[in-house]
Amino acid sequence: MPGVPADERDCKPLLSTSVRPKERPDRPAPCRLCGGPAWWNGWRLVFPVVAALVTGALERWELPLPLAKCSRCRHGFTCYPDGIYPRRQYGLDVVAGAVASVAFGRASAAEAARTTGAGATSVRRWLAWVAALAQPCDLVTAAAHIDPDAPAGAGLAIVVEPRTTTRSRAALVLAAFEHLGLALVHRGLALGARTGLGRVLGWQYATHGDVYGLVAGVRHFSSAMALGGRAGGP
């Protein structure tokens, strides 16, 4: 594109598309709002970019999501399979990988974007979102409570320089999520994610229905929530 530096141009990778089958149990889970029984109410087709659980390779899914409706309060809701997070075109493992390449690997936002198919602006938003998502000490405290033997510095985490930039703060938060995510795995929880960010936020959604979004939903993760409390609770 004329006038745009080469390192800022979007170079979209060619992602393979995987068509996923329609899958759902006989009946949906009870309504999260009132606990009433629900019934199936159709499907919604989405196209998330996800990281394969074993290899980490990125691919785009053509994914039908089952829709349900509460027979008591009439609330409609979407049922998400393991590894698929609400309100996101790019999965949490994809986000964590891009943020890690900037925060730990010192890649530019444009360089990180080329590996995901997202734009550099999206990567910068992800970096700021992760940096403000939690206090690292809260996550490490929760990990120690859940599993005192969980090793630190695993997964995406490496030694981080003690700076106060958004990049360095995102690195600290991401490293702490890796620590807490590994503690959950050591406790025997089956989590459909490969990164700490994906494991912890996916677990919190499956447990309480809390969604951490860039512009909506819960905005900050606390140790009380990790230990079983609700968003905004004590």
Protein backbone atom coordinates (compact mmCIF):
# COMPACT_ATOMS: atom_id res chain seq x y z
CA MET A 1 0.00 0.00 0.00
CA PRO A 2 1.57 3.34 -1.00
CA GLY A 3 2.72 5.49 1.90
CA VAL A 4 2.46 2.68 4.47
CA PRO A 5 5.72 1.18 5.81
CA ALA A 6 6.19 -2.46 4.87
CA ASP A 7 6.34 -3.56 8.52
CA GLU A 8 2.94 -1.97 9.19
CA ARG A 9 1.07 -3.60 6.32
CA ASP A 10 -1.27 -6.45 7.14
CA CYS A 11 0.17 -9.68 5.72
CA LYS A 12 -2.60 -12.15 6.37
CA PRO A 13 -1.43 -15.74 6.73
CA LEU A 14 -3.27 -18.40 4.78
CA LEU A 15 -5.21 -20.19 7.50
CA SER A 16 -6.70 -23.57 6.78
CA THR A 17 -10.44 -23.79 7.41
CA SER A 18 -11.83 -26.64 9.45
CA VAL A 19 -15.57 -27.28 9.19
CA ARG A 20 -16.74 -28.47 12.59
CA PRO A 21 -19.78 -30.73 13.00
CA LYS A 22 -22.94 -29.77 14.85
CA GLU A 23 -22.52 -31.15 18.35
CA ARG A 24 -24.63 -30.72 21.48
CA PRO A 25 -25.89 -32.90 24.34
CA ASP A 26 -29.49 -34.05 24.58
CA ARG A 27 -30.43 -31.04 26.69
CA PRO A 28 -28.68 -27.74 27.42
CA ALA A 29 -27.34 -26.81 30.84
CA PRO A 30 -29.73 -24.97 33.19
CA CYS A 31 -30.11 -21.22 32.77
CA ARG A 32 -27.31 -19.25 34.47
CA LEU A 33 -29.72 -16.45 35.41
CA CYS A 34 -32.50 -18.34 37.19
CA GLY A 35 -31.45 -21.99 37.18
CA GLY A 36 -34.47 -23.02 35.17
CA PRO A 37 -34.48 -25.81 32.58
CA ALA A 38 -33.68 -24.82 29.01
CA TRP A 39 -34.45 -26.14 25.56
CA TRP A 40 -32.53 -26.01 22.29
CA ASN A 41 -33.39 -23.08 20.06
CA GLY A 42 -31.33 -23.42 16.87
CA TRP A 43 -27.73 -22.72 15.85
CA ARG A 44 -25.43 -19.76 15.20
CA LEU A 45 -22.51 -20.02 12.77
CA VAL A 46 -19.21 -18.37 13.76
CA PHE A 47 -15.71 -18.36 12.25
CA PRO A 48 -13.15 -18.13 15.09
CA VAL A 49 -9.38 -18.31 14.62
CA VAL A 50 -8.04 -20.85 17.10
CA ALA A 51 -4.73 -22.44 18.06
CA ALA A 52 -4.67 -26.24 17.89
CA LEU A 53 -4.46 -27.69 21.38
CA VAL A 54 -1.51 -30.01 20.65
CA THR A 55 0.52 -28.26 17.94
CA GLY A 56 -0.47 -24.62 18.43
CA ALA A 57 -0.98 -24.23 14.67
CA LEU A 58 -3.55 -21.58 13.80
CA GLU A 59 -6.65 -22.41 11.82
CA ARG A 60 -10.04 -20.90 11.16
CA TRP A 61 -13.08 -22.89 12.21
CA GLU A 62 -16.49 -22.88 10.64
CA LEU A 63 -18.26 -23.61 13.90
CA PRO A 64 -21.99 -24.02 14.54
CA LEU A 65 -22.81 -22.98 18.11
CA PRO A 66 -26.01 -24.36 19.70
CA LEU A 67 -28.51 -21.80 20.98
CA ALA A 68 -30.70 -22.43 24.02
CA LYS A 69 -33.61 -20.71 25.76
CA CYS A 70 -34.76 -20.88 29.35
CA SER A 71 -38.29 -22.20 29.78
CA ARG A 72 -38.71 -20.21 33.01
CA CYS A 73 -37.33 -16.70 32.42
CA ARG A 74 -37.15 -16.93 28.61
CA HIS A 75 -33.49 -15.89 28.58
CA GLY A 76 -31.71 -16.96 25.39
CA PHE A 77 -28.06 -17.97 25.46
CA THR A 78 -25.28 -19.55 23.41
CA CYS A 79 -23.51 -22.74 24.50
CA TYR A 80 -19.77 -22.71 23.84
CA PRO A 81 -17.55 -25.81 23.57
CA ASP A 82 -14.26 -26.08 25.46
CA GLY A 83 -11.61 -23.80 24.01
CA ILE A 84 -14.05 -21.33 22.44
CA TYR A 85 -14.44 -18.07 24.34
CA PRO A 86 -17.49 -15.80 23.97
CA ARG A 87 -17.36 -12.57 21.97
CA ARG A 88 -14.01 -13.26 20.33
CA GLN A 89 -13.06 -13.79 16.72
CA TYR A 90 -9.54 -14.71 17.86
CA GLY A 91 -9.25 -17.35 20.56
CA LEU A 92 -7.54 -16.63 23.86
CA ASP A 93 -4.60 -18.88 22.97
CA VAL A 94 -4.11 -16.86 19.77
CA VAL A 95 -4.26 -13.63 21.77
CA ALA A 96 -1.81 -14.97 24.37
CA GLY A 97 0.63 -16.06 21.67
CA ALA A 98 0.59 -12.66 19.98
CA VAL A 99 0.99 -10.79 23.27
CA ALA A 100 3.81 -13.12 24.31
CA SER A 101 5.73 -12.48 21.09
CA VAL A 102 5.58 -8.73 21.80
CA ALA A 103 6.03 -8.81 25.58
CA PHE A 104 8.63 -11.58 25.81
CA GLY A 105 10.06 -11.83 22.30
CA ARG A 106 10.21 -8.08 21.66
CA ALA A 107 8.47 -8.40 18.31
CA SER A 108 6.60 -5.38 17.00
CA ALA A 109 2.82 -5.37 16.94
CA ALA A 110 2.93 -5.60 13.14
CA GLU A 111 5.25 -8.62 13.27
CA ALA A 112 3.01 -10.37 15.79
CA ALA A 113 -0.06 -9.57 13.70
CA ARG A 114 1.36 -11.33 10.65
CA THR A 115 1.29 -14.67 12.44
CA THR A 116 -2.36 -14.38 13.50
CA GLY A 117 -4.17 -12.74 10.60
CA ALA A 118 -5.23 -9.87 12.86
CA GLY A 119 -4.14 -6.27 12.39
CA ALA A 120 -1.37 -4.52 14.28
CA THR A 121 -4.00 -2.35 15.99
CA SER A 122 -5.68 -5.46 17.36
CA VAL A 123 -2.39 -6.74 18.77
CA ARG A 124 -1.78 -3.41 20.50
CA ARG A 125 -5.29 -3.58 22.02
CA TRP A 126 -4.64 -7.15 23.19
CA LEU A 127 -1.36 -6.05 24.80
CA ALA A 128 -3.07 -3.21 26.71
CA TRP A 129 -5.98 -5.49 27.69
CA VAL A 130 -3.69 -8.16 29.16
CA ALA A 131 -1.58 -5.53 30.95
CA ALA A 132 -4.67 -4.20 32.76
CA LEU A 133 -6.46 -7.51 33.25
CA ALA A 134 -5.08 -8.54 36.66
CA GLN A 135 -2.53 -7.90 39.37
CA PRO A 136 0.26 -10.48 38.91
CA CYS A 137 0.50 -10.98 42.68
CA ASP A 138 -3.21 -11.90 42.81
CA LEU A 139 -2.73 -14.61 40.21
CA VAL A 140 0.38 -16.03 41.87
CA THR A 141 -1.36 -16.01 45.27
CA ALA A 142 -4.31 -17.91 43.80
CA ALA A 143 -1.92 -20.42 42.18
CA ALA A 144 -0.17 -21.04 45.50
CA HIS A 145 -3.52 -21.59 47.20
CA ILE A 146 -4.71 -24.03 44.53
CA ASP A 147 -1.44 -25.93 44.13
CA PRO A 148 1.61 -24.93 46.24
CA ASP A 149 3.82 -27.25 44.16
CA ALA A 150 3.02 -25.71 40.75
CA PRO A 151 6.33 -24.48 39.25
CA ALA A 152 6.64 -20.86 38.18
CA GLY A 153 8.13 -19.77 34.87
CA ALA A 154 6.43 -22.39 32.72
CA GLY A 155 4.65 -22.19 29.40
CA LEU A 156 4.86 -18.75 27.78
CA ALA A 157 6.51 -17.25 30.87
CA ILE A 158 10.17 -16.27 31.04
CA VAL A 159 12.19 -13.87 33.22
CA VAL A 160 10.77 -10.37 32.84
CA GLU A 161 12.62 -7.13 33.32
CA PRO A 162 11.07 -4.99 36.11
CA ARG A 163 9.81 -2.05 34.03
CA THR A 164 6.58 -0.10 34.04
CA THR A 165 5.76 -0.04 30.34
CA THR A 166 2.61 -1.63 28.96
CA ARG A 167 4.79 -4.26 27.30
CA SER A 168 6.58 -5.25 30.51
CA ARG A 169 3.39 -5.19 32.57
CA ALA A 170 1.67 -7.42 30.03
CA ALA A 171 4.60 -9.81 30.32
CA LEU A 172 4.24 -9.97 34.10
CA VAL A 173 0.50 -10.56 33.90
CA LEU A 174 0.85 -13.18 31.17
CA ALA A 175 3.55 -14.99 33.17
CA ALA A 176 1.29 -15.03 36.24
CA PHE A 177 -1.59 -16.44 34.17
CA GLU A 178 0.74 -19.22 33.03
CA HIS A 179 1.52 -20.01 36.66
CA LEU A 180 -2.14 -20.12 37.68
CA GLY A 181 -3.12 -22.08 34.57
CA LEU A 182 -0.51 -24.72 35.35
CA ALA A 183 -1.78 -24.96 38.93
CA LEU A 184 -5.27 -25.69 37.60
CA VAL A 185 -3.89 -28.42 35.34
CA HIS A 186 -2.02 -29.94 38.30
CA ARG A 187 -5.32 -30.04 40.17
CA GLY A 188 -6.61 -32.33 37.44
CA LEU A 189 -8.97 -29.92 35.66
CA ALA A 190 -9.54 -30.72 31.99
CA LEU A 191 -9.11 -27.36 30.28
CA GLY A 192 -9.43 -26.96 26.53
CA ALA A 193 -6.62 -24.43 26.15
CA ARG A 194 -2.83 -24.51 25.85
CA THR A 195 -1.96 -21.15 27.48
CA GLY A 196 -2.46 -19.83 30.99
CA LEU A 197 -4.67 -17.00 29.75
CA GLY A 198 -6.92 -19.44 27.90
CA ARG A 199 -7.01 -21.93 30.75
CA VAL A 200 -7.82 -19.46 33.53
CA LEU A 201 -10.39 -17.32 31.73
CA GLY A 202 -11.95 -20.39 30.12
CA TRP A 203 -12.22 -22.04 33.52
CA GLN A 204 -13.75 -18.90 35.03
CA TYR A 205 -16.34 -18.75 32.24
CA ALA A 206 -17.21 -22.43 32.58
CA THR A 207 -17.50 -22.09 36.39
CA HIS A 208 -19.28 -18.74 36.75
CA GLY A 209 -20.15 -17.51 33.25
CA ASP A 210 -17.94 -14.43 33.62
CA VAL A 211 -16.65 -13.03 30.31
CA TYR A 212 -13.61 -10.75 30.22
CA GLY A 213 -13.90 -8.48 27.20
CA LEU A 214 -11.99 -5.63 25.62
CA VAL A 215 -14.99 -3.29 25.72
CA ALA A 216 -17.70 -5.17 27.64
CA GLY A 217 -18.12 -7.70 30.39
CA VAL A 218 -15.86 -8.13 33.42
CA ARG A 219 -12.75 -6.00 33.05
CA HIS A 220 -10.46 -7.15 35.87
CA PHE A 221 -9.60 -10.56 37.28
CA SER A 222 -9.10 -10.90 41.05
CA SER A 223 -7.72 -13.59 43.31
CA ALA A 224 -11.12 -13.85 45.06
CA MET A 225 -12.65 -14.85 41.72
CA ALA A 226 -9.90 -17.41 41.15
CA LEU A 227 -10.69 -18.99 44.48
CA GLY A 228 -14.39 -19.33 43.70
CA GLY A 229 -15.86 -15.86 44.23
CA ARG A 230 -17.88 -13.97 41.65
CA ALA A 231 -16.94 -10.82 39.79
CA GLY A 232 -17.31 -7.84 42.07
CA GLY A 233 -17.69 -10.09 45.10
CA PRO A 234 -15.66 -10.05 48.31
